């Protein structure tokens, strides 16, 4: 099995644990999330998406 880099694993763990404060540092200030065609640009927009989106709240990555 391939080893996942520690930084990537921390981001996945934060996302899977719905820990927004640990998840956001994985993005740059001008980072973008594309949620099925809806784009969220920048930390504030990504935080808003992560706290209100059903896509974010139901997501899990492995």
C-alpha atoms as a PDB file:
ATOM      1  CA  UNK A   1       0.000   0.000   0.000  1.00  0.00           C
ATOM      2  CA  UNK A   2       1.234   3.508  -0.788  1.00  0.00           C
ATOM      3  CA  UNK A   3       2.252   5.725   2.128  1.00  0.00           C
ATOM      4  CA  UNK A   4       0.246   8.949   2.345  1.00  0.00           C
ATOM      5  CA  UNK A   5       2.354  12.026   3.168  1.00  0.00           C
ATOM      6  CA  UNK A   6       1.727  13.272   6.725  1.00  0.00           C
ATOM      7  CA  UNK A   7       0.387  16.661   5.565  1.00  0.00           C
ATOM      8  CA  UNK A   8      -2.125  14.996   3.261  1.00  0.00           C
ATOM      9  CA  UNK A   9      -3.183  12.559   5.993  1.00  0.00           C
ATOM     10  CA  UNK A  10      -3.756  15.450   8.435  1.00  0.00           C
ATOM     11  CA  UNK A  11      -5.972  17.194   5.876  1.00  0.00           C
ATOM     12  CA  UNK A  12      -7.938  13.995   5.220  1.00  0.00           C
ATOM     13  CA  UNK A  13      -8.343  13.355   8.954  1.00  0.00           C
ATOM     14  CA  UNK A  14      -9.556  16.923   9.502  1.00  0.00           C
ATOM     15  CA  UNK A  15     -12.019  16.687   6.610  1.00  0.00           C
ATOM     16  CA  UNK A  16     -13.316  13.288   7.709  1.00  0.00           C
ATOM     17  CA  UNK A  17     -13.629  14.541  11.295  1.00  0.00           C
ATOM     18  CA  UNK A  18     -15.428  17.678  10.081  1.00  0.00           C
ATOM     19  CA  UNK A  19     -12.804  19.769  11.925  1.00  0.00           C
ATOM     20  CA  UNK A  20     -13.005  23.002   9.955  1.00  0.00           C
ATOM     21  CA  UNK A  21     -10.249  24.751  11.910  1.00  0.00           C
ATOM     22  CA  UNK A  22      -7.835  21.918  11.107  1.00  0.00           C
ATOM     23  CA  UNK A  23      -9.114  21.584   7.524  1.00  0.00           C
ATOM     24  CA  UNK A  24      -8.756  25.219   6.404  1.00  0.00           C
ATOM     25  CA  UNK A  25      -4.959  25.490   6.732  1.00  0.00           C
ATOM     26  CA  UNK A  26      -4.761  22.986   3.889  1.00  0.00           C
ATOM     27  CA  UNK A  27      -5.811  25.802   1.532  1.00  0.00           C
ATOM     28  CA  UNK A  28      -3.990  28.936   0.459  1.00  0.00           C
ATOM     29  CA  UNK A  29      -5.690  32.312   0.958  1.00  0.00           C
ATOM     30  CA  UNK A  30      -6.840  32.168  -2.663  1.00  0.00           C
ATOM     31  CA  UNK A  31      -7.725  28.467  -2.590  1.00  0.00           C
ATOM     32  CA  UNK A  32     -10.789  27.177  -4.423  1.00  0.00           C
ATOM     33  CA  UNK A  33     -13.308  24.435  -3.662  1.00  0.00           C
ATOM     34  CA  UNK A  34     -15.455  23.256  -6.561  1.00  0.00           C
ATOM     35  CA  UNK A  35     -18.579  21.574  -5.221  1.00  0.00           C
ATOM     36  CA  UNK A  36     -20.242  20.179  -8.332  1.00  0.00           C
ATOM     37  CA  UNK A  37     -19.846  23.444 -10.257  1.00  0.00           C
ATOM     38  CA  UNK A  38     -20.314  25.821  -7.332  1.00  0.00           C
ATOM     39  CA  UNK A  39     -16.977  27.531  -6.661  1.00  0.00           C
ATOM     40  CA  UNK A  40     -15.911  28.855  -3.274  1.00  0.00           C
ATOM     41  CA  UNK A  41     -12.807  31.081  -3.415  1.00  0.00           C
ATOM     42  CA  UNK A  42     -10.677  32.077  -0.458  1.00  0.00           C
ATOM     43  CA  UNK A  43     -10.575  31.020   3.179  1.00  0.00           C
ATOM     44  CA  UNK A  44     -13.786  32.816   4.214  1.00  0.00           C
ATOM     45  CA  UNK A  45     -15.808  31.316   1.367  1.00  0.00           C
ATOM     46  CA  UNK A  46     -14.372  27.845   1.971  1.00  0.00           C
ATOM     47  CA  UNK A  47     -15.172  28.135   5.701  1.00  0.00           C
ATOM     48  CA  UNK A  48     -18.743  29.124   4.827  1.00  0.00           C
ATOM     49  CA  UNK A  49     -19.040  26.181   2.453  1.00  0.00           C
ATOM     50  CA  UNK A  50     -17.601  23.767   5.014  1.00  0.00           C
ATOM     51  CA  UNK A  51     -19.970  24.920   7.764  1.00  0.00           C
ATOM     52  CA  UNK A  52     -23.175  24.984   5.711  1.00  0.00           C
ATOM     53  CA  UNK A  53     -22.815  22.607   2.778  1.00  0.00           C
ATOM     54  CA  UNK A  54     -24.399  19.202   2.974  1.00  0.00           C
ATOM     55  CA  UNK A  55     -21.660  18.041   0.577  1.00  0.00           C
ATOM     56  CA  UNK A  56     -18.978  19.017   3.071  1.00  0.00           C
ATOM     57  CA  UNK A  57     -20.804  17.591   6.060  1.00  0.00           C
ATOM     58  CA  UNK A  58     -21.347  14.207   4.385  1.00  0.00           C
ATOM     59  CA  UNK A  59     -17.948  13.878   2.785  1.00  0.00           C
ATOM     60  CA  UNK A  60     -15.372  11.280   3.682  1.00  0.00           C
ATOM     61  CA  UNK A  61     -12.072  10.604   1.963  1.00  0.00           C
ATOM     62  CA  UNK A  62      -9.800   7.594   2.134  1.00  0.00           C
END
